[in-house]
Amino acid sequence: MNEQNLVSLLRDVRACRLCEEYLEHGVRPVLQAHSKARILIAGQAPGRRVHDLGVPFDDPSGDRLREWMGVSRDTFYDATKIAILPMGFCYPGTGKSGDLPPRPECADAWREALLERLTNVKLTLVIGQYAIGWHLEQPKKSLTDTVHAWKEYRPPLIPLPHPSPRNNIWLKKNPWFAIEVLPYLRRRVGKLLS
């Protein structure tokens, strides 16, 4: 029953046109979900390449995220294992310093209903400031502070910086992330998927 409800809801989400007038590249909701998924990736919004291909995290950010998680592409794209629900389902376009923020219509219209149907999720990877703002009741004053306090949010949540190559400087300035967070993340993901 839950899966059928989710299938119907996903069909509605993929047909959504709520913010069409604001999307210069058109509407193309990109997400994956199944009621059996044990891990949820709560990201920001698809980038241009993901928008063109229609596959979530099929870009250098996804390569890095899969490396952080210690999973193969096949595992990552198995919706019965991993759900991927960005805060905005469509590519929002480009601004002065990178992609625009996710459109708020997606979260307002769909997020709670989708999450209610993902009853087997045991771990949510909360990626970037917009997802952190929505999923964490008490984020710290900055993304860095929130990620540094990751132990406060586990086991159900792990806040993460965006895996984009644009964050290479952040990763170099914060070596504790690779030393402390990633080993725990890989162990937790491996346990949930075994």
N, C-alpha and C. Protein backbone atom coordinates (compact mmCIF):
# COMPACT_ATOMS: atom_id res chain seq x y z
N MET A 1 0.83 -1.20 0.00
CA MET A 1 0.00 0.00 0.00
C MET A 1 0.88 1.27 0.00
N ASN A 2 1.87 1.30 0.89
CA ASN A 2 2.74 2.47 0.97
C ASN A 2 3.49 2.70 -0.34
N GLU A 3 4.00 1.62 -0.95
CA GLU A 3 4.73 1.77 -2.21
C GLU A 3 3.81 2.27 -3.32
N GLN A 4 2.59 1.75 -3.38
CA GLN A 4 1.66 2.23 -4.41
C GLN A 4 1.35 3.71 -4.22
N ASN A 5 1.17 4.13 -2.97
CA ASN A 5 0.96 5.55 -2.70
C ASN A 5 2.16 6.37 -3.14
N LEU A 6 3.36 5.84 -2.87
CA LEU A 6 4.57 6.56 -3.26
C LEU A 6 4.69 6.63 -4.78
N VAL A 7 4.40 5.55 -5.46
CA VAL A 7 4.46 5.54 -6.93
C VAL A 7 3.53 6.60 -7.50
N SER A 8 2.33 6.69 -6.97
CA SER A 8 1.37 7.69 -7.42
C SER A 8 1.88 9.11 -7.13
N LEU A 9 2.42 9.30 -5.93
CA LEU A 9 2.95 10.61 -5.56
C LEU A 9 4.13 11.00 -6.45
N LEU A 10 5.04 10.06 -6.71
CA LEU A 10 6.18 10.35 -7.59
C LEU A 10 5.73 10.72 -9.00
N ARG A 11 4.68 10.09 -9.47
CA ARG A 11 4.12 10.44 -10.79
C ARG A 11 3.64 11.89 -10.78
N ASP A 12 2.98 12.28 -9.69
CA ASP A 12 2.51 13.67 -9.57
C ASP A 12 3.69 14.64 -9.49
N VAL A 13 4.71 14.28 -8.72
CA VAL A 13 5.88 15.15 -8.59
C VAL A 13 6.54 15.34 -9.95
N ARG A 14 6.69 14.26 -10.70
CA ARG A 14 7.36 14.34 -12.00
C ARG A 14 6.55 15.12 -13.03
N ALA A 15 5.27 15.27 -12.77
CA ALA A 15 4.40 16.07 -13.66
C ALA A 15 4.24 17.51 -13.15
N CYS A 16 4.88 17.85 -12.05
CA CYS A 16 4.71 19.16 -11.41
C CYS A 16 5.18 20.29 -12.33
N ARG A 17 4.44 21.38 -12.31
CA ARG A 17 4.78 22.56 -13.08
C ARG A 17 4.66 23.83 -12.22
N LEU A 18 4.72 23.69 -10.89
CA LEU A 18 4.50 24.80 -9.97
C LEU A 18 5.39 26.01 -10.25
N CYS A 19 6.65 25.78 -10.54
CA CYS A 19 7.57 26.91 -10.69
C CYS A 19 8.08 27.06 -12.12
N GLU A 20 7.34 26.52 -13.06
CA GLU A 20 7.75 26.54 -14.46
C GLU A 20 8.10 27.94 -14.96
N GLU A 21 7.33 28.93 -14.55
CA GLU A 21 7.56 30.30 -15.04
C GLU A 21 8.90 30.87 -14.60
N TYR A 22 9.52 30.28 -13.57
CA TYR A 22 10.80 30.78 -13.05
C TYR A 22 12.01 30.02 -13.58
N LEU A 23 11.78 28.96 -14.33
CA LEU A 23 12.87 28.08 -14.75
C LEU A 23 13.19 28.29 -16.22
N GLU A 24 14.26 29.00 -16.50
CA GLU A 24 14.60 29.32 -17.88
C GLU A 24 15.00 28.08 -18.69
N HIS A 25 15.42 27.02 -18.01
CA HIS A 25 15.81 25.79 -18.72
C HIS A 25 14.69 24.76 -18.75
N GLY A 26 13.53 25.12 -18.25
CA GLY A 26 12.39 24.23 -18.28
C GLY A 26 12.27 23.36 -17.04
N VAL A 27 11.18 22.64 -16.98
CA VAL A 27 10.86 21.79 -15.84
C VAL A 27 11.34 20.38 -16.13
N ARG A 28 12.08 19.82 -15.18
CA ARG A 28 12.50 18.42 -15.26
C ARG A 28 12.83 17.94 -13.84
N PRO A 29 11.81 17.54 -13.08
CA PRO A 29 12.08 17.06 -11.72
C PRO A 29 12.99 15.84 -11.74
N VAL A 30 14.06 15.89 -10.93
CA VAL A 30 15.04 14.81 -10.87
C VAL A 30 15.12 14.34 -9.42
N LEU A 31 14.71 13.09 -9.19
CA LEU A 31 14.72 12.50 -7.87
C LEU A 31 14.60 10.99 -8.01
N GLN A 32 14.85 10.27 -6.91
CA GLN A 32 14.60 8.82 -6.90
C GLN A 32 14.13 8.44 -5.51
N ALA A 33 13.17 7.52 -5.46
CA ALA A 33 12.64 7.10 -4.16
C ALA A 33 11.94 5.76 -4.30
N HIS A 34 11.98 4.99 -3.23
CA HIS A 34 11.27 3.72 -3.10
C HIS A 34 10.99 3.52 -1.62
N SER A 35 9.88 2.92 -1.29
CA SER A 35 9.51 2.76 0.12
C SER A 35 10.49 1.87 0.88
N LYS A 36 11.29 1.06 0.20
CA LYS A 36 12.26 0.19 0.88
C LYS A 36 13.58 0.90 1.20
N ALA A 37 13.80 2.08 0.64
CA ALA A 37 15.08 2.78 0.82
C ALA A 37 15.38 2.97 2.30
N ARG A 38 16.64 2.70 2.67
CA ARG A 38 17.09 2.85 4.06
C ARG A 38 17.95 4.10 4.26
N ILE A 39 18.40 4.68 3.15
CA ILE A 39 19.21 5.90 3.19
C ILE A 39 18.55 6.96 2.33
N LEU A 40 18.50 8.18 2.86
CA LEU A 40 17.96 9.30 2.11
C LEU A 40 19.06 10.34 1.93
N ILE A 41 19.23 10.78 0.70
CA ILE A 41 20.13 11.89 0.40
C ILE A 41 19.26 13.12 0.18
N ALA A 42 19.37 14.07 1.10
CA ALA A 42 18.62 15.32 1.01
C ALA A 42 19.59 16.38 0.51
N GLY A 43 19.54 16.65 -0.79
CA GLY A 43 20.47 17.59 -1.40
C GLY A 43 19.84 18.95 -1.65
N GLN A 44 20.48 19.71 -2.54
CA GLN A 44 20.07 21.07 -2.82
C GLN A 44 19.08 21.11 -4.00
N ALA A 45 19.62 21.00 -5.21
CA ALA A 45 18.84 21.02 -6.45
C ALA A 45 19.75 20.49 -7.55
N PRO A 46 19.17 19.94 -8.60
CA PRO A 46 20.01 19.43 -9.70
C PRO A 46 20.81 20.56 -10.34
N GLY A 47 22.01 20.25 -10.78
CA GLY A 47 22.80 21.17 -11.58
C GLY A 47 22.43 21.03 -13.04
N ARG A 48 23.06 21.80 -13.89
CA ARG A 48 22.72 21.80 -15.32
C ARG A 48 22.91 20.42 -15.96
N ARG A 49 24.04 19.77 -15.68
CA ARG A 49 24.30 18.45 -16.27
C ARG A 49 23.24 17.43 -15.83
N VAL A 50 22.92 17.44 -14.54
CA VAL A 50 21.89 16.52 -14.03
C VAL A 50 20.54 16.84 -14.68
N HIS A 51 20.24 18.10 -14.84
CA HIS A 51 19.00 18.50 -15.51
C HIS A 51 18.96 17.92 -16.94
N ASP A 52 20.08 18.05 -17.65
CA ASP A 52 20.12 17.56 -19.03
C ASP A 52 19.99 16.04 -19.11
N LEU A 53 20.63 15.33 -18.17
CA LEU A 53 20.63 13.86 -18.20
C LEU A 53 19.41 13.24 -17.50
N GLY A 54 18.87 13.94 -16.51
CA GLY A 54 17.73 13.42 -15.76
C GLY A 54 18.09 12.37 -14.72
N VAL A 55 19.37 12.30 -14.35
CA VAL A 55 19.84 11.31 -13.37
C VAL A 55 20.46 12.07 -12.20
N PRO A 56 19.96 11.86 -10.96
CA PRO A 56 20.48 12.62 -9.83
C PRO A 56 21.96 12.34 -9.56
N PHE A 57 22.70 13.37 -9.28
CA PHE A 57 24.12 13.28 -8.93
C PHE A 57 24.94 12.54 -9.99
N ASP A 58 24.56 12.65 -11.24
CA ASP A 58 25.36 12.05 -12.32
C ASP A 58 26.32 13.12 -12.84
N ASP A 59 27.25 13.49 -11.96
CA ASP A 59 28.20 14.57 -12.24
C ASP A 59 29.37 14.43 -11.28
N PRO A 60 30.36 15.30 -11.34
CA PRO A 60 31.50 15.20 -10.41
C PRO A 60 31.09 15.25 -8.94
N SER A 61 30.04 15.99 -8.60
CA SER A 61 29.55 16.00 -7.22
C SER A 61 29.09 14.61 -6.80
N GLY A 62 28.41 13.94 -7.69
CA GLY A 62 27.96 12.58 -7.40
C GLY A 62 29.11 11.61 -7.27
N ASP A 63 30.14 11.78 -8.10
CA ASP A 63 31.32 10.92 -7.98
C ASP A 63 31.92 11.05 -6.59
N ARG A 64 32.06 12.29 -6.12
CA ARG A 64 32.63 12.52 -4.80
C ARG A 64 31.70 11.99 -3.70
N LEU A 65 30.40 12.21 -3.84
CA LEU A 65 29.46 11.72 -2.83
C LEU A 65 29.50 10.20 -2.73
N ARG A 66 29.55 9.52 -3.86
CA ARG A 66 29.64 8.05 -3.83
C ARG A 66 30.93 7.61 -3.16
N GLU A 67 32.02 8.35 -3.41
CA GLU A 67 33.29 8.03 -2.75
C GLU A 67 33.15 8.25 -1.24
N TRP A 68 32.57 9.37 -0.84
CA TRP A 68 32.36 9.63 0.59
C TRP A 68 31.56 8.50 1.24
N MET A 69 30.53 8.01 0.55
CA MET A 69 29.66 6.97 1.10
C MET A 69 30.27 5.58 0.99
N GLY A 70 31.23 5.40 0.09
CA GLY A 70 31.81 4.08 -0.13
C GLY A 70 30.89 3.14 -0.87
N VAL A 71 30.13 3.67 -1.85
CA VAL A 71 29.19 2.85 -2.61
C VAL A 71 29.47 2.94 -4.10
N SER A 72 29.07 1.91 -4.81
CA SER A 72 29.20 1.87 -6.26
C SER A 72 28.05 2.65 -6.91
N ARG A 73 28.19 2.92 -8.20
CA ARG A 73 27.10 3.56 -8.94
C ARG A 73 25.84 2.69 -8.91
N ASP A 74 26.03 1.38 -9.07
CA ASP A 74 24.86 0.49 -9.08
C ASP A 74 24.10 0.58 -7.76
N THR A 75 24.81 0.57 -6.65
CA THR A 75 24.16 0.68 -5.35
C THR A 75 23.51 2.05 -5.19
N PHE A 76 24.23 3.08 -5.57
CA PHE A 76 23.74 4.45 -5.42
C PHE A 76 22.43 4.66 -6.18
N TYR A 77 22.33 4.07 -7.36
CA TYR A 77 21.12 4.26 -8.18
C TYR A 77 20.09 3.16 -8.00
N ASP A 78 20.22 2.37 -6.95
CA ASP A 78 19.20 1.39 -6.60
C ASP A 78 18.23 2.08 -5.64
N ALA A 79 17.08 2.47 -6.16
CA ALA A 79 16.12 3.24 -5.36
C ALA A 79 15.58 2.44 -4.18
N THR A 80 15.68 1.12 -4.21
CA THR A 80 15.24 0.33 -3.05
C THR A 80 16.23 0.45 -1.89
N LYS A 81 17.41 1.01 -2.17
CA LYS A 81 18.42 1.19 -1.13
C LYS A 81 18.60 2.66 -0.75
N ILE A 82 18.64 3.53 -1.76
CA ILE A 82 18.95 4.94 -1.54
C ILE A 82 17.92 5.82 -2.23
N ALA A 83 17.27 6.68 -1.45
CA ALA A 83 16.37 7.68 -2.01
C ALA A 83 17.14 9.00 -2.14
N ILE A 84 16.83 9.76 -3.17
CA ILE A 84 17.49 11.04 -3.41
C ILE A 84 16.40 12.09 -3.63
N LEU A 85 16.25 12.97 -2.65
CA LEU A 85 15.23 14.01 -2.71
C LEU A 85 15.88 15.37 -2.48
N PRO A 86 16.22 16.08 -3.54
CA PRO A 86 16.76 17.43 -3.35
C PRO A 86 15.68 18.37 -2.82
N MET A 87 16.10 19.49 -2.30
CA MET A 87 15.15 20.49 -1.81
C MET A 87 14.34 21.08 -2.95
N GLY A 88 14.96 21.24 -4.09
CA GLY A 88 14.28 21.65 -5.31
C GLY A 88 14.52 20.56 -6.35
N PHE A 89 13.48 20.13 -7.03
CA PHE A 89 13.61 18.99 -7.95
C PHE A 89 14.09 19.37 -9.34
N CYS A 90 14.01 20.65 -9.68
CA CYS A 90 14.41 21.11 -11.00
C CYS A 90 15.61 22.04 -10.91
N TYR A 91 16.37 22.09 -11.99
CA TYR A 91 17.54 22.98 -12.07
C TYR A 91 17.07 24.42 -11.98
N PRO A 92 17.54 25.19 -10.98
CA PRO A 92 17.04 26.55 -10.80
C PRO A 92 17.70 27.60 -11.70
N GLY A 93 18.76 27.23 -12.41
CA GLY A 93 19.46 28.19 -13.25
C GLY A 93 20.73 28.67 -12.57
N THR A 94 21.44 29.55 -13.25
CA THR A 94 22.73 30.03 -12.76
C THR A 94 22.63 31.49 -12.34
N GLY A 95 23.27 31.79 -11.21
CA GLY A 95 23.35 33.15 -10.71
C GLY A 95 24.75 33.69 -10.88
N LYS A 96 25.08 34.75 -10.16
CA LYS A 96 26.38 35.41 -10.28
C LYS A 96 27.53 34.54 -9.78
N SER A 97 27.28 33.72 -8.75
CA SER A 97 28.37 32.94 -8.15
C SER A 97 28.06 31.45 -8.12
N GLY A 98 27.40 30.95 -9.15
CA GLY A 98 27.05 29.52 -9.19
C GLY A 98 25.57 29.35 -9.41
N ASP A 99 25.11 28.14 -9.16
CA ASP A 99 23.68 27.87 -9.36
C ASP A 99 22.83 28.66 -8.37
N LEU A 100 21.64 29.02 -8.81
CA LEU A 100 20.69 29.71 -7.95
C LEU A 100 20.21 28.77 -6.85
N PRO A 101 19.63 29.30 -5.78
CA PRO A 101 19.09 28.44 -4.72
C PRO A 101 17.94 27.58 -5.25
N PRO A 102 17.66 26.47 -4.58
CA PRO A 102 16.51 25.65 -5.00
C PRO A 102 15.23 26.47 -4.90
N ARG A 103 14.32 26.25 -5.82
CA ARG A 103 13.02 26.90 -5.74
C ARG A 103 12.29 26.38 -4.51
N PRO A 104 11.66 27.24 -3.72
CA PRO A 104 10.99 26.79 -2.49
C PRO A 104 9.69 26.04 -2.71
N GLU A 105 9.12 26.13 -3.91
CA GLU A 105 7.83 25.49 -4.16
C GLU A 105 7.88 23.97 -3.97
N CYS A 106 9.00 23.35 -4.33
CA CYS A 106 9.10 21.89 -4.23
C CYS A 106 8.94 21.41 -2.80
N ALA A 107 9.73 21.99 -1.91
CA ALA A 107 9.67 21.57 -0.50
C ALA A 107 8.29 21.86 0.08
N ASP A 108 7.76 23.03 -0.23
CA ASP A 108 6.44 23.39 0.30
C ASP A 108 5.36 22.43 -0.17
N ALA A 109 5.41 22.04 -1.42
CA ALA A 109 4.35 21.22 -2.00
C ALA A 109 4.51 19.72 -1.77
N TRP A 110 5.74 19.23 -1.77
CA TRP A 110 5.95 17.79 -1.86
C TRP A 110 6.73 17.12 -0.74
N ARG A 111 7.61 17.85 -0.06
CA ARG A 111 8.60 17.20 0.80
C ARG A 111 7.98 16.36 1.92
N GLU A 112 7.09 16.93 2.68
CA GLU A 112 6.51 16.18 3.81
C GLU A 112 5.78 14.93 3.34
N ALA A 113 5.02 15.04 2.27
CA ALA A 113 4.29 13.87 1.76
C ALA A 113 5.25 12.77 1.31
N LEU A 114 6.34 13.14 0.66
CA LEU A 114 7.33 12.14 0.24
C LEU A 114 8.01 11.49 1.44
N LEU A 115 8.43 12.30 2.38
CA LEU A 115 9.12 11.76 3.56
C LEU A 115 8.22 10.84 4.38
N GLU A 116 6.94 11.14 4.45
CA GLU A 116 5.99 10.29 5.18
C GLU A 116 5.93 8.88 4.59
N ARG A 117 6.22 8.75 3.32
CA ARG A 117 6.16 7.45 2.65
C ARG A 117 7.49 6.71 2.66
N LEU A 118 8.55 7.37 3.11
CA LEU A 118 9.87 6.73 3.20
C LEU A 118 10.09 6.24 4.63
N THR A 119 9.28 5.28 5.03
CA THR A 119 9.23 4.84 6.43
C THR A 119 10.40 3.94 6.83
N ASN A 120 11.19 3.46 5.89
CA ASN A 120 12.32 2.59 6.21
C ASN A 120 13.65 3.33 6.29
N VAL A 121 13.65 4.64 6.07
CA VAL A 121 14.89 5.41 6.10
C VAL A 121 15.44 5.44 7.53
N LYS A 122 16.70 5.05 7.66
CA LYS A 122 17.39 5.04 8.95
C LYS A 122 18.50 6.08 9.02
N LEU A 123 18.89 6.62 7.87
CA LEU A 123 19.97 7.59 7.81
C LEU A 123 19.66 8.61 6.71
N THR A 124 19.75 9.89 7.07
CA THR A 124 19.56 10.96 6.10
C THR A 124 20.85 11.77 6.02
N LEU A 125 21.39 11.86 4.81
CA LEU A 125 22.55 12.69 4.55
C LEU A 125 22.02 14.06 4.13
N VAL A 126 22.26 15.05 4.96
CA VAL A 126 21.70 16.39 4.75
C VAL A 126 22.82 17.25 4.16
N ILE A 127 22.68 17.55 2.86
CA ILE A 127 23.76 18.16 2.09
C ILE A 127 23.49 19.62 1.78
N GLY A 128 24.33 20.50 2.32
CA GLY A 128 24.26 21.91 1.98
C GLY A 128 23.30 22.69 2.86
N GLN A 129 23.41 24.00 2.78
CA GLN A 129 22.70 24.88 3.71
C GLN A 129 21.18 24.83 3.59
N TYR A 130 20.64 24.65 2.40
CA TYR A 130 19.19 24.65 2.26
C TYR A 130 18.58 23.38 2.85
N ALA A 131 19.22 22.26 2.62
CA ALA A 131 18.74 21.00 3.21
C ALA A 131 18.94 21.03 4.72
N ILE A 132 20.07 21.56 5.18
CA ILE A 132 20.33 21.67 6.62
C ILE A 132 19.26 22.54 7.27
N GLY A 133 18.93 23.65 6.64
CA GLY A 133 17.92 24.55 7.18
C GLY A 133 16.56 23.90 7.31
N TRP A 134 16.24 22.98 6.42
CA TRP A 134 14.93 22.33 6.45
C TRP A 134 14.91 21.12 7.39
N HIS A 135 15.97 20.33 7.39
CA HIS A 135 15.97 19.05 8.12
C HIS A 135 16.44 19.13 9.57
N LEU A 136 17.25 20.10 9.91
CA LEU A 136 17.80 20.17 11.26
C LEU A 136 17.05 21.21 12.08
N GLU A 137 16.60 20.80 13.25
CA GLU A 137 15.86 21.73 14.10
C GLU A 137 16.75 22.83 14.64
N GLN A 138 18.00 22.50 14.95
CA GLN A 138 18.88 23.50 15.52
C GLN A 138 20.25 23.50 14.83
N PRO A 139 20.29 23.95 13.59
CA PRO A 139 21.60 24.05 12.95
C PRO A 139 22.43 25.13 13.65
N LYS A 140 23.72 25.01 13.50
CA LYS A 140 24.62 26.00 14.08
C LYS A 140 24.63 27.24 13.21
N LYS A 141 25.45 28.23 13.57
CA LYS A 141 25.41 29.51 12.87
C LYS A 141 25.96 29.45 11.46
N SER A 142 26.77 28.43 11.14
CA SER A 142 27.30 28.30 9.78
C SER A 142 27.27 26.83 9.37
N LEU A 143 27.40 26.61 8.08
CA LEU A 143 27.46 25.24 7.58
C LEU A 143 28.66 24.51 8.20
N THR A 144 29.80 25.17 8.27
CA THR A 144 30.99 24.54 8.84
C THR A 144 30.74 24.14 10.29
N ASP A 145 30.15 25.02 11.07
CA ASP A 145 29.87 24.70 12.47
C ASP A 145 28.88 23.55 12.58
N THR A 146 27.89 23.52 11.70
CA THR A 146 26.90 22.44 11.73
C THR A 146 27.54 21.11 11.38
N VAL A 147 28.34 21.08 10.32
CA VAL A 147 29.01 19.84 9.94
C VAL A 147 29.99 19.42 11.03
N HIS A 148 30.67 20.37 11.63
CA HIS A 148 31.62 20.05 12.71
C HIS A 148 30.91 19.43 13.91
N ALA A 149 29.64 19.78 14.12
CA ALA A 149 28.84 19.24 15.23
C ALA A 149 28.05 18.01 14.80
N TRP A 150 28.50 17.31 13.79
CA TRP A 150 27.76 16.19 13.19
C TRP A 150 27.33 15.14 14.21
N LYS A 151 28.12 14.92 15.25
CA LYS A 151 27.78 13.89 16.24
C LYS A 151 26.49 14.22 16.98
N GLU A 152 26.13 15.49 17.07
CA GLU A 152 24.90 15.88 17.75
C GLU A 152 23.65 15.43 17.00
N TYR A 153 23.77 15.17 15.72
CA TYR A 153 22.60 14.87 14.89
C TYR A 153 22.45 13.38 14.56
N ARG A 154 23.47 12.60 14.84
CA ARG A 154 23.40 11.18 14.53
C ARG A 154 22.62 10.44 15.59
N PRO A 155 22.07 9.29 15.34
CA PRO A 155 22.28 8.48 14.15
C PRO A 155 21.37 8.80 12.97
N PRO A 156 20.22 9.51 13.16
CA PRO A 156 19.38 9.59 11.97
C PRO A 156 19.87 10.56 10.91
N LEU A 157 20.69 11.57 11.28
CA LEU A 157 21.11 12.59 10.32
C LEU A 157 22.62 12.77 10.36
N ILE A 158 23.18 13.06 9.18
CA ILE A 158 24.58 13.50 9.11
C ILE A 158 24.60 14.72 8.19
N PRO A 159 24.90 15.91 8.74
CA PRO A 159 25.02 17.08 7.88
C PRO A 159 26.35 17.04 7.14
N LEU A 160 26.31 17.40 5.87
CA LEU A 160 27.50 17.35 5.02
C LEU A 160 27.62 18.64 4.20
N PRO A 161 28.85 19.01 3.85
CA PRO A 161 29.00 20.08 2.87
C PRO A 161 28.61 19.53 1.50
N HIS A 162 28.38 20.41 0.56
CA HIS A 162 28.08 19.91 -0.77
C HIS A 162 29.35 19.26 -1.34
N PRO A 163 29.22 18.11 -2.01
CA PRO A 163 30.41 17.43 -2.55
C PRO A 163 30.94 18.04 -3.85
N SER A 164 30.47 19.19 -4.22
CA SER A 164 30.90 19.85 -5.45
C SER A 164 32.40 20.13 -5.46
N PRO A 165 33.02 20.03 -6.63
CA PRO A 165 34.42 20.44 -6.74
C PRO A 165 34.64 21.90 -6.32
N ARG A 166 33.59 22.72 -6.34
CA ARG A 166 33.70 24.10 -5.87
C ARG A 166 34.05 24.16 -4.38
N ASN A 167 33.86 23.06 -3.66
CA ASN A 167 34.14 23.02 -2.23
C ASN A 167 35.51 22.45 -1.91
N ASN A 168 36.39 22.34 -2.89
CA ASN A 168 37.74 21.83 -2.62
C ASN A 168 38.48 22.67 -1.58
N ILE A 169 38.29 23.97 -1.62
CA ILE A 169 38.96 24.84 -0.65
C ILE A 169 38.42 24.56 0.75
N TRP A 170 37.10 24.40 0.87
CA TRP A 170 36.51 24.07 2.18
C TRP A 170 37.09 22.77 2.71
N LEU A 171 37.18 21.77 1.85
CA LEU A 171 37.71 20.46 2.29
C LEU A 171 39.17 20.57 2.74
N LYS A 172 39.95 21.39 2.06
CA LYS A 172 41.36 21.58 2.47
C LYS A 172 41.46 22.33 3.79
N LYS A 173 40.57 23.28 4.02
CA LYS A 173 40.59 24.05 5.26
C LYS A 173 40.04 23.26 6.45
N ASN A 174 39.33 22.19 6.18
CA ASN A 174 38.66 21.41 7.23
C ASN A 174 39.04 19.93 7.13
N PRO A 175 40.32 19.60 7.38
CA PRO A 175 40.77 18.21 7.23
C PRO A 175 40.09 17.25 8.21
N TRP A 176 39.56 17.76 9.31
CA TRP A 176 38.84 16.92 10.27
C TRP A 176 37.66 16.21 9.62
N PHE A 177 37.10 16.80 8.57
CA PHE A 177 35.94 16.19 7.91
C PHE A 177 36.30 14.81 7.36
N ALA A 178 37.41 14.72 6.65
CA ALA A 178 37.85 13.43 6.09
C ALA A 178 38.31 12.47 7.17
N ILE A 179 38.86 13.00 8.25
CA ILE A 179 39.39 12.15 9.32
C ILE A 179 38.29 11.63 10.23
N GLU A 180 37.34 12.48 10.58
CA GLU A 180 36.31 12.12 11.56
C GLU A 180 34.99 11.67 10.94
N VAL A 181 34.48 12.44 9.99
CA VAL A 181 33.13 12.21 9.50
C VAL A 181 33.07 11.08 8.48
N LEU A 182 33.96 11.09 7.49
CA LEU A 182 33.85 10.11 6.40
C LEU A 182 34.00 8.67 6.85
N PRO A 183 34.91 8.32 7.75
CA PRO A 183 34.96 6.91 8.19
C PRO A 183 33.64 6.47 8.85
N TYR A 184 33.07 7.33 9.69
CA TYR A 184 31.78 6.99 10.31
C TYR A 184 30.70 6.85 9.24
N LEU A 185 30.67 7.79 8.30
CA LEU A 185 29.67 7.75 7.23
C LEU A 185 29.76 6.44 6.46
N ARG A 186 30.95 6.04 6.07
CA ARG A 186 31.12 4.79 5.30
C ARG A 186 30.68 3.57 6.11
N ARG A 187 31.04 3.54 7.40
CA ARG A 187 30.62 2.40 8.24
C ARG A 187 29.11 2.35 8.36
N ARG A 188 28.49 3.48 8.60
CA ARG A 188 27.03 3.53 8.79
C ARG A 188 26.31 3.14 7.50
N VAL A 189 26.76 3.66 6.37
CA VAL A 189 26.16 3.31 5.09
C VAL A 189 26.34 1.81 4.83
N GLY A 190 27.55 1.30 5.04
CA GLY A 190 27.81 -0.12 4.81
C GLY A 190 26.93 -1.00 5.66
N LYS A 191 26.75 -0.64 6.91
CA LYS A 191 25.89 -1.43 7.81
C LYS A 191 24.44 -1.42 7.34
N LEU A 192 23.94 -0.27 6.94
CA LEU A 192 22.55 -0.17 6.51
C LEU A 192 22.29 -0.90 5.20
N LEU A 193 23.30 -0.99 4.35
CA LEU A 193 23.11 -1.63 3.04
C LEU A 193 23.46 -3.11 3.04
N SER A 194 24.05 -3.61 4.13
CA SER A 194 24.45 -5.03 4.15
C SER A 194 23.27 -5.93 4.47
